[in-house]
Amino acid sequence: MKKKPSEAICIIIPCHNEAQCIETVLQNLRRHMPDAHYVFVNDASTDQTEQIIRRNADEKVTLLNLPVNLGIGGAVQTGLIYAWRNGFDYAVKFDGDGQHLAEEINAILEPIRNGKADLVIGSRFLTNNSGFKSTFMRRLGIWIFRILSSLLTGRTITDNTSGFRAYGKRALEFAAKYYPAFDYPEPEEVILFLHNHYRVEEIPVAMAERKGGSSSINHIKAVYYMVKVVFSVFMAALRPRIESR
């Protein structure tokens, strides 16, 4: 389905020290999604990320500077709150490191436009493709979260850690209020949405390797975050459902 001319799309780009790739990310977004609004949430970067965004800004670019580093969860929720308060029809979370492909955005919006989903996740594992699948440790974590989501919700989500996600208006309001704003919130968000009867779908996408910089997670941190996120996933499944307002 083609997009409606009147629809308002907010693309949320959380970024922390992405000076090596953030300009290319913006160029690709402009090429493939020229009518969208781009919200960069600068999570207290200490490099030239802010200056590069300002140098390339126009009326379709909003820069939100966080005074302290909140981590990915806090940065994403900041963007979601902005999109919800400003009345956007859809929001798309898009990484600032060049791993997500701007040409895939309309594909992940399609199930929402067609009324089939509230939240759509771009998955690297639904079909075989030549895109980047992440490191061994992260693939191990993805496999563990796939088992957990199936056990806790009855739904098998193949790529729980994917940050490439699209939100319809109803999902956007829910996420703005209840997004799990801690370090690595994606698996918990899946459980939270399914637990509260939102329609969550996956579509196959390709992803690339990061275009610059390096991940902040080494093998020791990976184990720590795995334990932390598994605990949060169980807590999300056990908490009472949130009543709609």
C-alpha atoms as a PDB file:
ATOM      1  CA  MET A   1       0.000   0.000   0.000  1.00  0.00           C
ATOM      2  CA  LYS A   2       1.328   3.431  -0.898  1.00  0.00           C
ATOM      3  CA  LYS A   3       1.460   6.045   1.784  1.00  0.00           C
ATOM      4  CA  LYS A   4      -1.274   8.639   2.011  1.00  0.00           C
ATOM      5  CA  PRO A   5      -0.117  12.129   1.032  1.00  0.00           C
ATOM      6  CA  SER A   6      -1.423  13.556   4.300  1.00  0.00           C
ATOM      7  CA  GLU A   7       0.171  11.067   6.694  1.00  0.00           C
ATOM      8  CA  ALA A   8       2.758  12.381   9.149  1.00  0.00           C
ATOM      9  CA  ILE A   9       5.751  10.107   9.763  1.00  0.00           C
ATOM     10  CA  CYS A  10       8.281  10.723  12.525  1.00  0.00           C
ATOM     11  CA  ILE A  11      11.580   8.868  12.242  1.00  0.00           C
ATOM     12  CA  ILE A  12      13.319   8.686  15.620  1.00  0.00           C
ATOM     13  CA  ILE A  13      17.099   8.338  15.501  1.00  0.00           C
ATOM     14  CA  PRO A  14      18.710   7.845  18.946  1.00  0.00           C
ATOM     15  CA  CYS A  15      22.421   8.524  18.737  1.00  0.00           C
ATOM     16  CA  HIS A  16      25.421   8.490  21.038  1.00  0.00           C
ATOM     17  CA  ASN A  17      28.840   9.238  19.556  1.00  0.00           C
ATOM     18  CA  GLU A  18      27.835   8.465  15.967  1.00  0.00           C
ATOM     19  CA  ALA A  19      29.866  11.221  14.292  1.00  0.00           C
ATOM     20  CA  GLN A  20      31.365   8.769  11.786  1.00  0.00           C
ATOM     21  CA  CYS A  21      28.023   7.764  10.277  1.00  0.00           C
ATOM     22  CA  ILE A  22      25.214  10.126  11.304  1.00  0.00           C
ATOM     23  CA  GLU A  23      25.531  12.341   8.209  1.00  0.00           C
ATOM     24  CA  THR A  24      25.234   9.333   5.896  1.00  0.00           C
ATOM     25  CA  VAL A  25      22.219   8.104   7.877  1.00  0.00           C
ATOM     26  CA  LEU A  26      20.468  11.441   7.356  1.00  0.00           C
ATOM     27  CA  GLN A  27      21.337  11.497   3.637  1.00  0.00           C
ATOM     28  CA  ASN A  28      19.852   8.026   3.155  1.00  0.00           C
ATOM     29  CA  LEU A  29      16.700   8.961   5.051  1.00  0.00           C
ATOM     30  CA  ARG A  30      16.248  12.031   2.880  1.00  0.00           C
ATOM     31  CA  ARG A  31      16.716   9.926  -0.251  1.00  0.00           C
ATOM     32  CA  HIS A  32      14.155   7.268   0.652  1.00  0.00           C
ATOM     33  CA  MET A  33      11.759   9.090   3.016  1.00  0.00           C
ATOM     34  CA  PRO A  34      11.829  12.731   1.843  1.00  0.00           C
ATOM     35  CA  ASP A  35       8.434  13.616   3.331  1.00  0.00           C
ATOM     36  CA  ALA A  36       9.143  12.315   6.835  1.00  0.00           C
ATOM     37  CA  HIS A  37      10.276  14.333   9.853  1.00  0.00           C
ATOM     38  CA  TYR A  38      13.594  13.270  11.400  1.00  0.00           C
ATOM     39  CA  VAL A  39      14.062  13.509  15.161  1.00  0.00           C
ATOM     40  CA  PHE A  40      17.630  12.998  16.342  1.00  0.00           C
ATOM     41  CA  VAL A  41      17.871  12.288  20.065  1.00  0.00           C
ATOM     42  CA  ASN A  42      21.471  13.073  20.947  1.00  0.00           C
ATOM     43  CA  ASP A  43      22.180  11.065  24.091  1.00  0.00           C
ATOM     44  CA  ALA A  44      24.917  13.300  25.545  1.00  0.00           C
ATOM     45  CA  SER A  45      27.442  12.536  22.813  1.00  0.00           C
ATOM     46  CA  THR A  46      31.012  13.607  23.503  1.00  0.00           C
ATOM     47  CA  ASP A  47      32.138  13.635  19.859  1.00  0.00           C
ATOM     48  CA  GLN A  48      30.945  15.812  16.933  1.00  0.00           C
ATOM     49  CA  THR A  49      27.514  14.165  16.581  1.00  0.00           C
ATOM     50  CA  GLU A  50      25.586  17.283  17.602  1.00  0.00           C
ATOM     51  CA  GLN A  51      27.610  19.615  15.374  1.00  0.00           C
ATOM     52  CA  ILE A  52      27.162  17.357  12.329  1.00  0.00           C
ATOM     53  CA  ILE A  53      23.400  17.171  12.827  1.00  0.00           C
ATOM     54  CA  ARG A  54      23.161  20.952  13.231  1.00  0.00           C
ATOM     55  CA  ARG A  55      25.243  21.503  10.099  1.00  0.00           C
ATOM     56  CA  ASN A  56      22.872  19.305   8.063  1.00  0.00           C
ATOM     57  CA  ALA A  57      19.594  20.410   9.664  1.00  0.00           C
ATOM     58  CA  ASP A  58      16.612  21.922   7.866  1.00  0.00           C
ATOM     59  CA  GLU A  59      12.912  22.335   8.632  1.00  0.00           C
ATOM     60  CA  LYS A  60      12.412  18.553   8.603  1.00  0.00           C
ATOM     61  CA  VAL A  61      15.086  17.917  11.242  1.00  0.00           C
ATOM     62  CA  THR A  62      14.575  18.223  15.001  1.00  0.00           C
ATOM     63  CA  LEU A  63      17.524  17.824  17.358  1.00  0.00           C
ATOM     64  CA  LEU A  64      16.780  16.862  20.968  1.00  0.00           C
ATOM     65  CA  ASN A  65      19.889  17.118  23.144  1.00  0.00           C
ATOM     66  CA  LEU A  66      19.831  15.130  26.365  1.00  0.00           C
ATOM     67  CA  PRO A  67      21.916  16.782  29.109  1.00  0.00           C
ATOM     68  CA  VAL A  68      23.008  13.420  30.536  1.00  0.00           C
ATOM     69  CA  ASN A  69      23.432  10.000  28.989  1.00  0.00           C
ATOM     70  CA  LEU A  70      20.173   8.086  29.530  1.00  0.00           C
ATOM     71  CA  GLY A  71      21.038   5.030  27.455  1.00  0.00           C
ATOM     72  CA  ILE A  72      19.082   3.698  24.498  1.00  0.00           C
ATOM     73  CA  GLY A  73      15.816   3.234  26.417  1.00  0.00           C
ATOM     74  CA  GLY A  74      15.651   6.797  27.695  1.00  0.00           C
ATOM     75  CA  ALA A  75      16.699   8.222  24.325  1.00  0.00           C
ATOM     76  CA  VAL A  76      14.054   6.247  22.451  1.00  0.00           C
ATOM     77  CA  GLN A  77      11.302   7.176  24.892  1.00  0.00           C
ATOM     78  CA  THR A  78      12.262  10.834  24.493  1.00  0.00           C
ATOM     79  CA  GLY A  79      11.690  10.508  20.747  1.00  0.00           C
ATOM     80  CA  LEU A  80       8.439   8.607  21.216  1.00  0.00           C
ATOM     81  CA  ILE A  81       7.086  11.279  23.562  1.00  0.00           C
ATOM     82  CA  TYR A  82       8.013  13.954  21.020  1.00  0.00           C
ATOM     83  CA  ALA A  83       6.238  12.084  18.207  1.00  0.00           C
ATOM     84  CA  TRP A  84       3.111  11.460  20.278  1.00  0.00           C
ATOM     85  CA  ARG A  85       2.838  15.020  21.626  1.00  0.00           C
ATOM     86  CA  ASN A  86       3.270  16.438  18.138  1.00  0.00           C
ATOM     87  CA  GLY A  87       0.465  14.353  16.645  1.00  0.00           C
ATOM     88  CA  PHE A  88       2.342  12.130  14.208  1.00  0.00           C
ATOM     89  CA  ASP A  89       0.405   9.278  12.592  1.00  0.00           C
ATOM     90  CA  TYR A  90       3.361   6.893  12.639  1.00  0.00           C
ATOM     91  CA  ALA A  91       6.754   6.683  14.283  1.00  0.00           C
ATOM     92  CA  VAL A  92       9.741   4.628  13.162  1.00  0.00           C
ATOM     93  CA  LYS A  93      12.728   3.864  15.373  1.00  0.00           C
ATOM     94  CA  PHE A  94      15.869   3.912  13.276  1.00  0.00           C
ATOM     95  CA  ASP A  95      19.436   3.335  14.481  1.00  0.00           C
ATOM     96  CA  GLY A  96      22.012   6.081  14.089  1.00  0.00           C
ATOM     97  CA  ASP A  97      24.896   3.708  13.281  1.00  0.00           C
ATOM     98  CA  GLY A  98      23.904   2.877   9.710  1.00  0.00           C
ATOM     99  CA  GLN A  99      22.709  -0.680  10.376  1.00  0.00           C
ATOM    100  CA  HIS A 100      19.102  -0.005   9.379  1.00  0.00           C
ATOM    101  CA  LEU A 101      18.274   0.591   5.723  1.00  0.00           C
ATOM    102  CA  ALA A 102      16.088   3.574   4.899  1.00  0.00           C
ATOM    103  CA  GLU A 103      14.667   1.794   1.840  1.00  0.00           C
ATOM    104  CA  GLU A 104      13.006  -0.733   4.188  1.00  0.00           C
ATOM    105  CA  ILE A 105      10.958   1.857   6.116  1.00  0.00           C
ATOM    106  CA  ASN A 106       7.862   1.787   3.917  1.00  0.00           C
ATOM    107  CA  ALA A 107       7.850  -2.017   4.150  1.00  0.00           C
ATOM    108  CA  ILE A 108       7.686  -2.009   7.948  1.00  0.00           C
ATOM    109  CA  LEU A 109       4.971   0.660   7.859  1.00  0.00           C
ATOM    110  CA  GLU A 110       2.773  -1.319   5.476  1.00  0.00           C
ATOM    111  CA  PRO A 111       1.098  -3.670   8.031  1.00  0.00           C
ATOM    112  CA  ILE A 112       0.145  -0.616  10.126  1.00  0.00           C
ATOM    113  CA  ARG A 113      -1.174   1.288   7.113  1.00  0.00           C
ATOM    114  CA  ASN A 114      -3.240  -1.775   6.189  1.00  0.00           C
ATOM    115  CA  GLY A 115      -4.740  -1.992   9.688  1.00  0.00           C
ATOM    116  CA  LYS A 116      -3.104  -5.346  10.469  1.00  0.00           C
ATOM    117  CA  ALA A 117      -0.668  -4.315  13.218  1.00  0.00           C
ATOM    118  CA  ASP A 118       0.003  -1.757  15.946  1.00  0.00           C
ATOM    119  CA  LEU A 119       3.739  -2.449  16.260  1.00  0.00           C
ATOM    120  CA  VAL A 120       5.909  -3.863  13.474  1.00  0.00           C
ATOM    121  CA  ILE A 121       9.407  -5.268  13.992  1.00  0.00           C
ATOM    122  CA  GLY A 122      11.923  -5.593  11.190  1.00  0.00           C
ATOM    123  CA  SER A 123      13.409  -9.093  11.500  1.00  0.00           C
ATOM    124  CA  ARG A 124      16.725 -10.363  10.160  1.00  0.00           C
ATOM    125  CA  PHE A 125      15.665 -13.981  10.659  1.00  0.00           C
ATOM    126  CA  LEU A 126      12.281 -14.489   8.983  1.00  0.00           C
ATOM    127  CA  THR A 127      13.871 -15.360   5.653  1.00  0.00           C
ATOM    128  CA  ASN A 128      17.363 -16.092   4.463  1.00  0.00           C
ATOM    129  CA  ASN A 129      19.031 -12.934   3.243  1.00  0.00           C
ATOM    130  CA  SER A 130      22.553 -11.709   2.731  1.00  0.00           C
ATOM    131  CA  GLY A 131      22.267  -8.918   5.286  1.00  0.00           C
ATOM    132  CA  PHE A 132      24.282  -8.648   8.482  1.00  0.00           C
ATOM    133  CA  LYS A 133      22.958 -10.945  11.240  1.00  0.00           C
ATOM    134  CA  SER A 134      24.988  -9.579  14.190  1.00  0.00           C
ATOM    135  CA  THR A 135      27.711 -11.212  16.290  1.00  0.00           C
ATOM    136  CA  PHE A 136      27.617 -14.732  17.720  1.00  0.00           C
ATOM    137  CA  MET A 137      26.909 -13.509  21.264  1.00  0.00           C
ATOM    138  CA  ARG A 138      24.030 -11.342  20.100  1.00  0.00           C
ATOM    139  CA  ARG A 139      22.594 -14.136  17.969  1.00  0.00           C
ATOM    140  CA  LEU A 140      22.715 -16.364  21.056  1.00  0.00           C
ATOM    141  CA  GLY A 141      20.796 -13.719  22.997  1.00  0.00           C
ATOM    142  CA  ILE A 142      18.259 -13.393  20.170  1.00  0.00           C
ATOM    143  CA  TRP A 143      17.701 -17.157  20.251  1.00  0.00           C
ATOM    144  CA  ILE A 144      17.146 -17.084  24.044  1.00  0.00           C
ATOM    145  CA  PHE A 145      14.631 -14.236  23.755  1.00  0.00           C
ATOM    146  CA  ARG A 146      12.834 -16.074  20.971  1.00  0.00           C
ATOM    147  CA  ILE A 147      12.282 -19.012  23.335  1.00  0.00           C
ATOM    148  CA  LEU A 148      11.245 -16.722  26.201  1.00  0.00           C
ATOM    149  CA  SER A 149       8.729 -14.737  24.163  1.00  0.00           C
ATOM    150  CA  SER A 150       7.177 -17.973  22.948  1.00  0.00           C
ATOM    151  CA  LEU A 151       6.902 -19.376  26.477  1.00  0.00           C
ATOM    152  CA  LEU A 152       5.583 -16.166  28.050  1.00  0.00           C
ATOM    153  CA  THR A 153       3.176 -14.988  25.348  1.00  0.00           C
ATOM    154  CA  GLY A 154       2.489 -17.903  23.036  1.00  0.00           C
ATOM    155  CA  ARG A 155       3.966 -15.898  20.137  1.00  0.00           C
ATOM    156  CA  THR A 156       7.294 -16.623  18.513  1.00  0.00           C
ATOM    157  CA  ILE A 157       9.110 -13.390  17.708  1.00  0.00           C
ATOM    158  CA  THR A 158      12.227 -14.170  15.698  1.00  0.00           C
ATOM    159  CA  ASP A 159      14.124 -10.917  16.298  1.00  0.00           C
ATOM    160  CA  ASN A 160      13.247  -9.561  19.751  1.00  0.00           C
ATOM    161  CA  THR A 161      16.354  -7.384  19.904  1.00  0.00           C
ATOM    162  CA  SER A 162      15.757  -5.621  16.596  1.00  0.00           C
ATOM    163  CA  GLY A 163      15.528  -1.878  17.116  1.00  0.00           C
ATOM    164  CA  PHE A 164      14.027  -1.293  13.672  1.00  0.00           C
ATOM    165  CA  ARG A 165      10.372  -0.787  14.610  1.00  0.00           C
ATOM    166  CA  ALA A 166       7.288   1.081  13.447  1.00  0.00           C
ATOM    167  CA  TYR A 167       4.418   2.313  15.614  1.00  0.00           C
ATOM    168  CA  GLY A 168       0.861   3.163  14.699  1.00  0.00           C
ATOM    169  CA  LYS A 169      -0.907   5.961  16.517  1.00  0.00           C
ATOM    170  CA  ARG A 170      -2.381   3.740  19.240  1.00  0.00           C
ATOM    171  CA  ALA A 171       0.953   1.990  19.816  1.00  0.00           C
ATOM    172  CA  LEU A 172       2.768   5.308  19.793  1.00  0.00           C
ATOM    173  CA  GLU A 173       0.685   6.646  22.660  1.00  0.00           C
ATOM    174  CA  PHE A 174       1.218   3.450  24.661  1.00  0.00           C
ATOM    175  CA  ALA A 175       4.964   3.430  24.026  1.00  0.00           C
ATOM    176  CA  ALA A 176       5.338   7.117  24.898  1.00  0.00           C
ATOM    177  CA  LYS A 177       3.808   6.398  28.298  1.00  0.00           C
ATOM    178  CA  TYR A 178       5.177   2.955  29.114  1.00  0.00           C
ATOM    179  CA  TYR A 179       8.309   2.336  27.046  1.00  0.00           C
ATOM    180  CA  PRO A 180      10.850   0.472  29.224  1.00  0.00           C
ATOM    181  CA  ALA A 181      13.421   3.244  29.496  1.00  0.00           C
ATOM    182  CA  PHE A 182      16.540   1.322  30.523  1.00  0.00           C
ATOM    183  CA  ASP A 183      19.633   0.077  28.695  1.00  0.00           C
ATOM    184  CA  TYR A 184      18.369  -2.522  26.189  1.00  0.00           C
ATOM    185  CA  PRO A 185      14.576  -2.403  26.218  1.00  0.00           C
ATOM    186  CA  GLU A 186      13.532  -4.100  22.968  1.00  0.00           C
ATOM    187  CA  PRO A 187      12.776  -7.633  24.307  1.00  0.00           C
ATOM    188  CA  GLU A 188      10.810  -6.195  27.230  1.00  0.00           C
ATOM    189  CA  GLU A 189       8.839  -3.961  24.871  1.00  0.00           C
ATOM    190  CA  VAL A 190       7.742  -7.028  22.875  1.00  0.00           C
ATOM    191  CA  ILE A 191       6.402  -8.719  26.008  1.00  0.00           C
ATOM    192  CA  LEU A 192       4.765  -5.502  27.204  1.00  0.00           C
ATOM    193  CA  PHE A 193       2.896  -4.988  23.935  1.00  0.00           C
ATOM    194  CA  LEU A 194       1.768  -8.609  23.591  1.00  0.00           C
ATOM    195  CA  HIS A 195       0.787  -8.801  27.254  1.00  0.00           C
ATOM    196  CA  ASN A 196      -1.469  -5.777  26.742  1.00  0.00           C
ATOM    197  CA  HIS A 197      -3.107  -7.198  23.589  1.00  0.00           C
ATOM    198  CA  TYR A 198      -1.467  -5.009  20.994  1.00  0.00           C
ATOM    199  CA  ARG A 199      -1.025  -6.494  17.533  1.00  0.00           C
ATOM    200  CA  VAL A 200       2.676  -7.158  17.003  1.00  0.00           C
ATOM    201  CA  GLU A 201       3.932  -8.348  13.628  1.00  0.00           C
ATOM    202  CA  GLU A 202       7.326  -8.989  12.072  1.00  0.00           C
ATOM    203  CA  ILE A 203       8.417  -8.504   8.498  1.00  0.00           C
ATOM    204  CA  PRO A 204      11.712  -9.619   6.943  1.00  0.00           C
ATOM    205  CA  VAL A 205      14.343  -6.918   6.469  1.00  0.00           C
ATOM    206  CA  ALA A 206      18.021  -6.807   5.635  1.00  0.00           C
ATOM    207  CA  MET A 207      20.467  -4.946   7.843  1.00  0.00           C
ATOM    208  CA  ALA A 208      24.030  -3.770   7.378  1.00  0.00           C
ATOM    209  CA  GLU A 209      27.063  -3.698   9.640  1.00  0.00           C
ATOM    210  CA  ARG A 210      27.502  -0.483  11.576  1.00  0.00           C
ATOM    211  CA  LYS A 211      29.146   2.171   9.423  1.00  0.00           C
ATOM    212  CA  GLY A 212      31.430   3.571  12.084  1.00  0.00           C
ATOM    213  CA  GLY A 213      32.333   3.574  15.748  1.00  0.00           C
ATOM    214  CA  SER A 214      32.019   0.450  17.863  1.00  0.00           C
ATOM    215  CA  SER A 215      29.514  -1.236  20.112  1.00  0.00           C
ATOM    216  CA  SER A 216      29.792  -0.482  23.815  1.00  0.00           C
ATOM    217  CA  ILE A 217      29.060  -4.127  24.699  1.00  0.00           C
ATOM    218  CA  ASN A 218      31.956  -6.538  25.161  1.00  0.00           C
ATOM    219  CA  HIS A 219      31.592 -10.219  26.097  1.00  0.00           C
ATOM    220  CA  ILE A 220      31.486  -9.520  29.841  1.00  0.00           C
ATOM    221  CA  LYS A 221      28.886  -6.790  29.446  1.00  0.00           C
ATOM    222  CA  ALA A 222      26.891  -9.044  27.128  1.00  0.00           C
ATOM    223  CA  VAL A 223      26.446 -11.611  29.894  1.00  0.00           C
ATOM    224  CA  TYR A 224      25.498  -8.897  32.392  1.00  0.00           C
ATOM    225  CA  TYR A 225      22.925  -7.363  30.062  1.00  0.00           C
ATOM    226  CA  MET A 226      21.533 -10.783  29.169  1.00  0.00           C
ATOM    227  CA  VAL A 227      20.774 -11.522  32.830  1.00  0.00           C
ATOM    228  CA  LYS A 228      19.364  -8.036  33.346  1.00  0.00           C
ATOM    229  CA  VAL A 229      17.094  -8.154  30.284  1.00  0.00           C
ATOM    230  CA  VAL A 230      15.867 -11.689  31.005  1.00  0.00           C
ATOM    231  CA  PHE A 231      14.817 -10.533  34.475  1.00  0.00           C
ATOM    232  CA  SER A 232      13.004  -7.496  33.033  1.00  0.00           C
ATOM    233  CA  VAL A 233      11.206  -9.689  30.490  1.00  0.00           C
ATOM    234  CA  PHE A 234       9.815 -11.894  33.262  1.00  0.00           C
ATOM    235  CA  MET A 235       8.748  -8.814  35.226  1.00  0.00           C
ATOM    236  CA  ALA A 236       6.940  -7.430  32.177  1.00  0.00           C
ATOM    237  CA  ALA A 237       5.057 -10.711  31.772  1.00  0.00           C
ATOM    238  CA  LEU A 238       4.063 -10.803  35.457  1.00  0.00           C
ATOM    239  CA  ARG A 239       2.908  -7.201  35.876  1.00  0.00           C
ATOM    240  CA  PRO A 240      -0.846  -6.475  35.646  1.00  0.00           C
ATOM    241  CA  ARG A 241      -2.180  -5.440  32.271  1.00  0.00           C
ATOM    242  CA  ILE A 242      -2.364  -1.706  31.762  1.00  0.00           C
ATOM    243  CA  GLU A 243      -5.931  -0.497  31.375  1.00  0.00           C
ATOM    244  CA  SER A 244      -6.667   1.544  28.239  1.00  0.00           C
ATOM    245  CA  ARG A 245      -7.717   5.149  28.815  1.00  0.00           C
END
